[in-house]
């Protein structure tokens, strides 16, 4: 989990996509490594649990879309 204070949704997506590409292109092992990510933004009235659940929905959206993706929810 990354918390990016004072970062809008578009910038958070860009950061997550950059991390995804770095991991995908890394030669850390003999097996290709990829990541899927979910991005969300704090909305008025959110509790930490609400934010984590919404971000988890975005993560599973990425996984269900074929993995190695970043999704927003």
PDB file of N, CA and C in Angstrom:
ATOM      1  N   UNK A   1       0.847  -1.166   0.000  1.00  0.00           N
ATOM      2  CA  UNK A   1       0.000   0.000   0.000  1.00  0.00           C
ATOM      3  C   UNK A   1       0.892   1.229   0.000  1.00  0.00           C
ATOM      4  N   UNK A   2       0.578   2.157  -0.870  1.00  0.00           N
ATOM      5  CA  UNK A   2       1.241   3.456  -0.893  1.00  0.00           C
ATOM      6  C   UNK A   2       0.227   4.527  -0.547  1.00  0.00           C
ATOM      7  N   UNK A   3       0.587   5.404   0.319  1.00  0.00           N
ATOM      8  CA  UNK A   3      -0.237   6.571   0.610  1.00  0.00           C
ATOM      9  C   UNK A   3       0.495   7.767   0.018  1.00  0.00           C
ATOM     10  N   UNK A   4      -0.194   8.500  -0.816  1.00  0.00           N
ATOM     11  CA  UNK A   4       0.426   9.631  -1.524  1.00  0.00           C
ATOM     12  C   UNK A   4      -0.330  10.908  -1.191  1.00  0.00           C
ATOM     13  N   UNK A   5       0.000  11.535  -0.050  1.00  0.00           N
ATOM     14  CA  UNK A   5      -0.695  12.763   0.332  1.00  0.00           C
ATOM     15  C   UNK A   5      -0.511  13.855  -0.720  1.00  0.00           C
ATOM     16  N   UNK A   6      -1.534  14.669  -0.850  1.00  0.00           N
ATOM     17  CA  UNK A   6      -1.508  15.805  -1.766  1.00  0.00           C
ATOM     18  C   UNK A   6      -1.194  15.383  -3.208  1.00  0.00           C
ATOM     19  N   UNK A   7      -1.704  14.211  -3.586  1.00  0.00           N
ATOM     20  CA  UNK A   7      -1.526  13.686  -4.936  1.00  0.00           C
ATOM     21  C   UNK A   7      -2.899  13.406  -5.509  1.00  0.00           C
ATOM     22  N   UNK A   8      -3.187  13.951  -6.685  1.00  0.00           N
ATOM     23  CA  UNK A   8      -4.500  13.693  -7.280  1.00  0.00           C
ATOM     24  C   UNK A   8      -4.532  12.295  -7.904  1.00  0.00           C
ATOM     25  N   UNK A   9      -5.708  11.866  -8.306  1.00  0.00           N
ATOM     26  CA  UNK A   9      -5.913  10.525  -8.822  1.00  0.00           C
ATOM     27  C   UNK A   9      -5.082  10.260 -10.075  1.00  0.00           C
ATOM     28  N   UNK A  10      -5.014  11.237 -10.955  1.00  0.00           N
ATOM     29  CA  UNK A  10      -4.245  11.077 -12.193  1.00  0.00           C
ATOM     30  C   UNK A  10      -2.760  10.857 -11.892  1.00  0.00           C
ATOM     31  N   UNK A  11      -2.214  11.639 -10.989  1.00  0.00           N
ATOM     32  CA  UNK A  11      -0.799  11.507 -10.625  1.00  0.00           C
ATOM     33  C   UNK A  11      -0.549  10.181  -9.912  1.00  0.00           C
ATOM     34  N   UNK A  12      -1.470   9.776  -9.042  1.00  0.00           N
ATOM     35  CA  UNK A  12      -1.336   8.494  -8.350  1.00  0.00           C
ATOM     36  C   UNK A  12      -1.334   7.338  -9.354  1.00  0.00           C
ATOM     37  N   UNK A  13      -2.201   7.420 -10.353  1.00  0.00           N
ATOM     38  CA  UNK A  13      -2.228   6.406 -11.415  1.00  0.00           C
ATOM     39  C   UNK A  13      -0.893   6.371 -12.145  1.00  0.00           C
ATOM     40  N   UNK A  14      -0.370   7.543 -12.473  1.00  0.00           N
ATOM     41  CA  UNK A  14       0.913   7.635 -13.187  1.00  0.00           C
ATOM     42  C   UNK A  14       2.040   7.004 -12.369  1.00  0.00           C
ATOM     43  N   UNK A  15       2.058   7.264 -11.080  1.00  0.00           N
ATOM     44  CA  UNK A  15       3.080   6.680 -10.205  1.00  0.00           C
ATOM     45  C   UNK A  15       2.942   5.156 -10.165  1.00  0.00           C
ATOM     46  N   UNK A  16       1.719   4.667  -9.990  1.00  0.00           N
ATOM     47  CA  UNK A  16       1.487   3.221  -9.945  1.00  0.00           C
ATOM     48  C   UNK A  16       1.876   2.558 -11.263  1.00  0.00           C
ATOM     49  N   UNK A  17       1.569   3.189 -12.368  1.00  0.00           N
ATOM     50  CA  UNK A  17       1.923   2.657 -13.686  1.00  0.00           C
ATOM     51  C   UNK A  17       3.439   2.643 -13.864  1.00  0.00           C
ATOM     52  N   UNK A  18       4.125   3.655 -13.380  1.00  0.00           N
ATOM     53  CA  UNK A  18       5.596   3.693 -13.455  1.00  0.00           C
ATOM     54  C   UNK A  18       6.205   2.549 -12.655  1.00  0.00           C
ATOM     55  N   UNK A  19       5.684   2.311 -11.464  1.00  0.00           N
ATOM     56  CA  UNK A  19       6.174   1.206 -10.631  1.00  0.00           C
ATOM     57  C   UNK A  19       5.918  -0.124 -11.333  1.00  0.00           C
ATOM     58  N   UNK A  20       4.729  -0.278 -11.916  1.00  0.00           N
ATOM     59  CA  UNK A  20       4.392  -1.513 -12.631  1.00  0.00           C
ATOM     60  C   UNK A  20       5.378  -1.784 -13.757  1.00  0.00           C
ATOM     61  N   UNK A  21       5.704  -0.750 -14.523  1.00  0.00           N
ATOM     62  CA  UNK A  21       6.640  -0.900 -15.644  1.00  0.00           C
ATOM     63  C   UNK A  21       8.049  -1.241 -15.165  1.00  0.00           C
ATOM     64  N   UNK A  22       8.485  -0.614 -14.085  1.00  0.00           N
ATOM     65  CA  UNK A  22       9.817  -0.895 -13.534  1.00  0.00           C
ATOM     66  C   UNK A  22       9.920  -2.360 -13.115  1.00  0.00           C
ATOM     67  N   UNK A  23       8.896  -2.850 -12.420  1.00  0.00           N
ATOM     68  CA  UNK A  23       8.892  -4.249 -11.978  1.00  0.00           C
ATOM     69  C   UNK A  23       8.883  -5.174 -13.182  1.00  0.00           C
ATOM     70  N   UNK A  24       8.048  -4.876 -14.164  1.00  0.00           N
ATOM     71  CA  UNK A  24       7.927  -5.719 -15.360  1.00  0.00           C
ATOM     72  C   UNK A  24       9.248  -5.803 -16.119  1.00  0.00           C
ATOM     73  N   UNK A  25       9.997  -4.724 -16.177  1.00  0.00           N
ATOM     74  CA  UNK A  25      11.235  -4.662 -16.954  1.00  0.00           C
ATOM     75  C   UNK A  25      12.477  -5.082 -16.159  1.00  0.00           C
ATOM     76  N   UNK A  26      12.307  -5.327 -14.879  1.00  0.00           N
ATOM     77  CA  UNK A  26      13.443  -5.693 -14.037  1.00  0.00           C
ATOM     78  C   UNK A  26      13.899  -7.115 -14.318  1.00  0.00           C
ATOM     79  N   UNK A  27      15.154  -7.335 -14.115  1.00  0.00           N
ATOM     80  CA  UNK A  27      15.733  -8.663 -14.307  1.00  0.00           C
ATOM     81  C   UNK A  27      16.187  -9.204 -12.955  1.00  0.00           C
ATOM     82  N   UNK A  28      15.265  -9.260 -12.000  1.00  0.00           N
ATOM     83  CA  UNK A  28      15.595  -9.703 -10.654  1.00  0.00           C
ATOM     84  C   UNK A  28      15.721 -11.214 -10.539  1.00  0.00           C
ATOM     85  N   UNK A  29      15.055 -11.919 -11.408  1.00  0.00           N
ATOM     86  CA  UNK A  29      15.083 -13.379 -11.317  1.00  0.00           C
ATOM     87  C   UNK A  29      14.929 -13.963 -12.712  1.00  0.00           C
ATOM     88  N   UNK A  30      14.982 -15.272 -12.768  1.00  0.00           N
ATOM     89  CA  UNK A  30      14.810 -15.942 -14.055  1.00  0.00           C
ATOM     90  C   UNK A  30      13.349 -16.017 -14.469  1.00  0.00           C
ATOM     91  N   UNK A  31      12.464 -15.770 -13.543  1.00  0.00           N
ATOM     92  CA  UNK A  31      11.031 -15.798 -13.796  1.00  0.00           C
ATOM     93  C   UNK A  31      10.519 -14.376 -13.943  1.00  0.00           C
ATOM     94  N   UNK A  32       9.779 -14.090 -15.009  1.00  0.00           N
ATOM     95  CA  UNK A  32       9.214 -12.735 -15.148  1.00  0.00           C
ATOM     96  C   UNK A  32       8.308 -12.381 -13.968  1.00  0.00           C
ATOM     97  N   UNK A  33       8.425 -11.169 -13.493  1.00  0.00           N
ATOM     98  CA  UNK A  33       7.619 -10.693 -12.376  1.00  0.00           C
ATOM     99  C   UNK A  33       6.769  -9.523 -12.852  1.00  0.00           C
ATOM    100  N   UNK A  34       5.480  -9.564 -12.522  1.00  0.00           N
ATOM    101  CA  UNK A  34       4.587  -8.449 -12.835  1.00  0.00           C
ATOM    102  C   UNK A  34       3.764  -8.138 -11.590  1.00  0.00           C
ATOM    103  N   UNK A  35       3.141  -6.969 -11.587  1.00  0.00           N
ATOM    104  CA  UNK A  35       2.264  -6.592 -10.484  1.00  0.00           C
ATOM    105  C   UNK A  35       0.968  -6.010 -11.035  1.00  0.00           C
ATOM    106  N   UNK A  36      -0.062  -6.146 -10.252  1.00  0.00           N
ATOM    107  CA  UNK A  36      -1.340  -5.489 -10.515  1.00  0.00           C
ATOM    108  C   UNK A  36      -1.578  -4.516  -9.371  1.00  0.00           C
ATOM    109  N   UNK A  37      -2.187  -3.371  -9.689  1.00  0.00           N
ATOM    110  CA  UNK A  37      -2.413  -2.353  -8.668  1.00  0.00           C
ATOM    111  C   UNK A  37      -3.813  -1.787  -8.768  1.00  0.00           C
ATOM    112  N   UNK A  38      -4.283  -1.300  -7.639  1.00  0.00           N
ATOM    113  CA  UNK A  38      -5.546  -0.577  -7.575  1.00  0.00           C
ATOM    114  C   UNK A  38      -5.280   0.800  -7.011  1.00  0.00           C
ATOM    115  N   UNK A  39      -5.904   1.809  -7.598  1.00  0.00           N
ATOM    116  CA  UNK A  39      -5.706   3.196  -7.174  1.00  0.00           C
ATOM    117  C   UNK A  39      -7.054   3.785  -6.793  1.00  0.00           C
ATOM    118  N   UNK A  40      -7.086   4.471  -5.679  1.00  0.00           N
ATOM    119  CA  UNK A  40      -8.292   5.147  -5.237  1.00  0.00           C
ATOM    120  C   UNK A  40      -7.894   6.429  -4.523  1.00  0.00           C
ATOM    121  N   UNK A  41      -8.868   7.268  -4.285  1.00  0.00           N
ATOM    122  CA  UNK A  41      -8.627   8.555  -3.653  1.00  0.00           C
ATOM    123  C   UNK A  41      -9.581   8.711  -2.476  1.00  0.00           C
ATOM    124  N   UNK A  42      -9.114   9.356  -1.430  1.00  0.00           N
ATOM    125  CA  UNK A  42      -9.955   9.597  -0.263  1.00  0.00           C
ATOM    126  C   UNK A  42     -11.107  10.517  -0.662  1.00  0.00           C
ATOM    127  N   UNK A  43     -12.318  10.095  -0.312  1.00  0.00           N
ATOM    128  CA  UNK A  43     -13.502  10.911  -0.555  1.00  0.00           C
ATOM    129  C   UNK A  43     -14.052  11.378   0.783  1.00  0.00           C
ATOM    130  N   UNK A  44     -14.764  12.470   0.759  1.00  0.00           N
ATOM    131  CA  UNK A  44     -15.334  13.014   1.998  1.00  0.00           C
ATOM    132  C   UNK A  44     -16.169  11.938   2.690  1.00  0.00           C
ATOM    133  N   UNK A  45     -15.926  11.766   3.974  1.00  0.00           N
ATOM    134  CA  UNK A  45     -16.668  10.796   4.757  1.00  0.00           C
ATOM    135  C   UNK A  45     -16.057   9.408   4.776  1.00  0.00           C
ATOM    136  N   UNK A  46     -14.974   9.199   4.025  1.00  0.00           N
ATOM    137  CA  UNK A  46     -14.321   7.892   4.016  1.00  0.00           C
ATOM    138  C   UNK A  46     -13.719   7.566   5.371  1.00  0.00           C
ATOM    139  N   UNK A  47     -13.799   6.316   5.725  1.00  0.00           N
ATOM    140  CA  UNK A  47     -13.019   5.789   6.833  1.00  0.00           C
ATOM    141  C   UNK A  47     -11.827   5.064   6.204  1.00  0.00           C
ATOM    142  N   UNK A  48     -10.803   4.764   6.983  1.00  0.00           N
ATOM    143  CA  UNK A  48      -9.700   3.987   6.407  1.00  0.00           C
ATOM    144  C   UNK A  48     -10.183   2.669   5.792  1.00  0.00           C
ATOM    145  N   UNK A  49     -11.125   2.024   6.441  1.00  0.00           N
ATOM    146  CA  UNK A  49     -11.662   0.753   5.932  1.00  0.00           C
ATOM    147  C   UNK A  49     -12.348   0.940   4.587  1.00  0.00           C
ATOM    148  N   UNK A  50     -13.128   1.994   4.454  1.00  0.00           N
ATOM    149  CA  UNK A  50     -13.825   2.273   3.195  1.00  0.00           C
ATOM    150  C   UNK A  50     -12.824   2.495   2.060  1.00  0.00           C
ATOM    151  N   UNK A  51     -11.800   3.269   2.333  1.00  0.00           N
ATOM    152  CA  UNK A  51     -10.779   3.536   1.320  1.00  0.00           C
ATOM    153  C   UNK A  51     -10.050   2.253   0.923  1.00  0.00           C
ATOM    154  N   UNK A  52      -9.685   1.447   1.885  1.00  0.00           N
ATOM    155  CA  UNK A  52      -8.982   0.188   1.587  1.00  0.00           C
ATOM    156  C   UNK A  52      -9.877  -0.744   0.779  1.00  0.00           C
ATOM    157  N   UNK A  53     -11.146  -0.833   1.122  1.00  0.00           N
ATOM    158  CA  UNK A  53     -12.077  -1.697   0.367  1.00  0.00           C
ATOM    159  C   UNK A  53     -12.215  -1.231  -1.076  1.00  0.00           C
ATOM    160  N   UNK A  54     -12.346   0.083  -1.284  1.00  0.00           N
ATOM    161  CA  UNK A  54     -12.491   0.609  -2.643  1.00  0.00           C
ATOM    162  C   UNK A  54     -11.216   0.352  -3.452  1.00  0.00           C
ATOM    163  N   UNK A  55     -10.072   0.517  -2.825  1.00  0.00           N
ATOM    164  CA  UNK A  55      -8.799   0.269  -3.509  1.00  0.00           C
ATOM    165  C   UNK A  55      -8.653  -1.210  -3.833  1.00  0.00           C
ATOM    166  N   UNK A  56      -9.125  -2.075  -2.945  1.00  0.00           N
ATOM    167  CA  UNK A  56      -9.096  -3.513  -3.180  1.00  0.00           C
ATOM    168  C   UNK A  56      -9.970  -3.893  -4.370  1.00  0.00           C
ATOM    169  N   UNK A  57     -11.110  -3.221  -4.518  1.00  0.00           N
ATOM    170  CA  UNK A  57     -11.971  -3.443  -5.690  1.00  0.00           C
ATOM    171  C   UNK A  57     -11.200  -3.102  -6.974  1.00  0.00           C
ATOM    172  N   UNK A  58     -10.474  -1.999  -6.950  1.00  0.00           N
ATOM    173  CA  UNK A  58      -9.675  -1.606  -8.123  1.00  0.00           C
ATOM    174  C   UNK A  58      -8.578  -2.634  -8.396  1.00  0.00           C
ATOM    175  N   UNK A  59      -7.948  -3.152  -7.345  1.00  0.00           N
ATOM    176  CA  UNK A  59      -6.911  -4.169  -7.514  1.00  0.00           C
ATOM    177  C   UNK A  59      -7.480  -5.405  -8.196  1.00  0.00           C
ATOM    178  N   UNK A  60      -8.626  -5.884  -7.728  1.00  0.00           N
ATOM    179  CA  UNK A  60      -9.229  -7.063  -8.338  1.00  0.00           C
ATOM    180  C   UNK A  60      -9.726  -6.796  -9.750  1.00  0.00           C
ATOM    181  N   UNK A  61     -10.066  -5.557 -10.038  1.00  0.00           N
ATOM    182  CA  UNK A  61     -10.412  -5.160 -11.408  1.00  0.00           C
ATOM    183  C   UNK A  61      -9.201  -5.393 -12.319  1.00  0.00           C
ATOM    184  N   UNK A  62      -8.014  -5.017 -11.837  1.00  0.00           N
ATOM    185  CA  UNK A  62      -6.774  -5.239 -12.599  1.00  0.00           C
ATOM    186  C   UNK A  62      -6.508  -6.724 -12.790  1.00  0.00           C
ATOM    187  N   UNK A  63      -6.649  -7.492 -11.734  1.00  0.00           N
ATOM    188  CA  UNK A  63      -6.393  -8.929 -11.824  1.00  0.00           C
ATOM    189  C   UNK A  63      -7.371  -9.604 -12.778  1.00  0.00           C
ATOM    190  N   UNK A  64      -8.640  -9.237 -12.698  1.00  0.00           N
ATOM    191  CA  UNK A  64      -9.646  -9.851 -13.563  1.00  0.00           C
ATOM    192  C   UNK A  64      -9.511  -9.424 -15.021  1.00  0.00           C
ATOM    193  N   UNK A  65      -8.829  -8.319 -15.260  1.00  0.00           N
ATOM    194  CA  UNK A  65      -8.622  -7.830 -16.630  1.00  0.00           C
ATOM    195  C   UNK A  65      -7.370  -8.443 -17.265  1.00  0.00           C
ATOM    196  N   UNK A  66      -6.752  -9.388 -16.586  1.00  0.00           N
ATOM    197  CA  UNK A  66      -5.607 -10.073 -17.170  1.00  0.00           C
ATOM    198  C   UNK A  66      -4.311  -9.862 -16.428  1.00  0.00           C
ATOM    199  N   UNK A  67      -4.344  -9.144 -15.334  1.00  0.00           N
ATOM    200  CA  UNK A  67      -3.173  -8.896 -14.493  1.00  0.00           C
ATOM    201  C   UNK A  67      -2.167  -7.970 -15.170  1.00  0.00           C
ATOM    202  N   UNK A  68      -1.134  -7.591 -14.402  1.00  0.00           N
ATOM    203  CA  UNK A  68      -0.112  -6.663 -14.877  1.00  0.00           C
ATOM    204  C   UNK A  68      -0.728  -5.365 -15.379  1.00  0.00           C
ATOM    205  N   UNK A  69      -1.653  -4.835 -14.585  1.00  0.00           N
ATOM    206  CA  UNK A  69      -2.375  -3.624 -14.940  1.00  0.00           C
ATOM    207  C   UNK A  69      -2.556  -2.739 -13.712  1.00  0.00           C
ATOM    208  N   UNK A  70      -2.937  -1.498 -13.958  1.00  0.00           N
ATOM    209  CA  UNK A  70      -3.323  -0.553 -12.899  1.00  0.00           C
ATOM    210  C   UNK A  70      -4.751  -0.135 -13.189  1.00  0.00           C
ATOM    211  N   UNK A  71      -5.607  -0.209 -12.186  1.00  0.00           N
ATOM    212  CA  UNK A  71      -7.008   0.183 -12.337  1.00  0.00           C
ATOM    213  C   UNK A  71      -7.388   1.198 -11.271  1.00  0.00           C
ATOM    214  N   UNK A  72      -8.356   2.036 -11.620  1.00  0.00           N
ATOM    215  CA  UNK A  72      -8.850   3.068 -10.712  1.00  0.00           C
ATOM    216  C   UNK A  72     -10.269   2.712 -10.301  1.00  0.00           C
ATOM    217  N   UNK A  73     -10.569   2.976  -9.052  1.00  0.00           N
ATOM    218  CA  UNK A  73     -11.931   2.785  -8.571  1.00  0.00           C
ATOM    219  C   UNK A  73     -12.282   3.946  -7.662  1.00  0.00           C
TER     220      UNK A  73
END
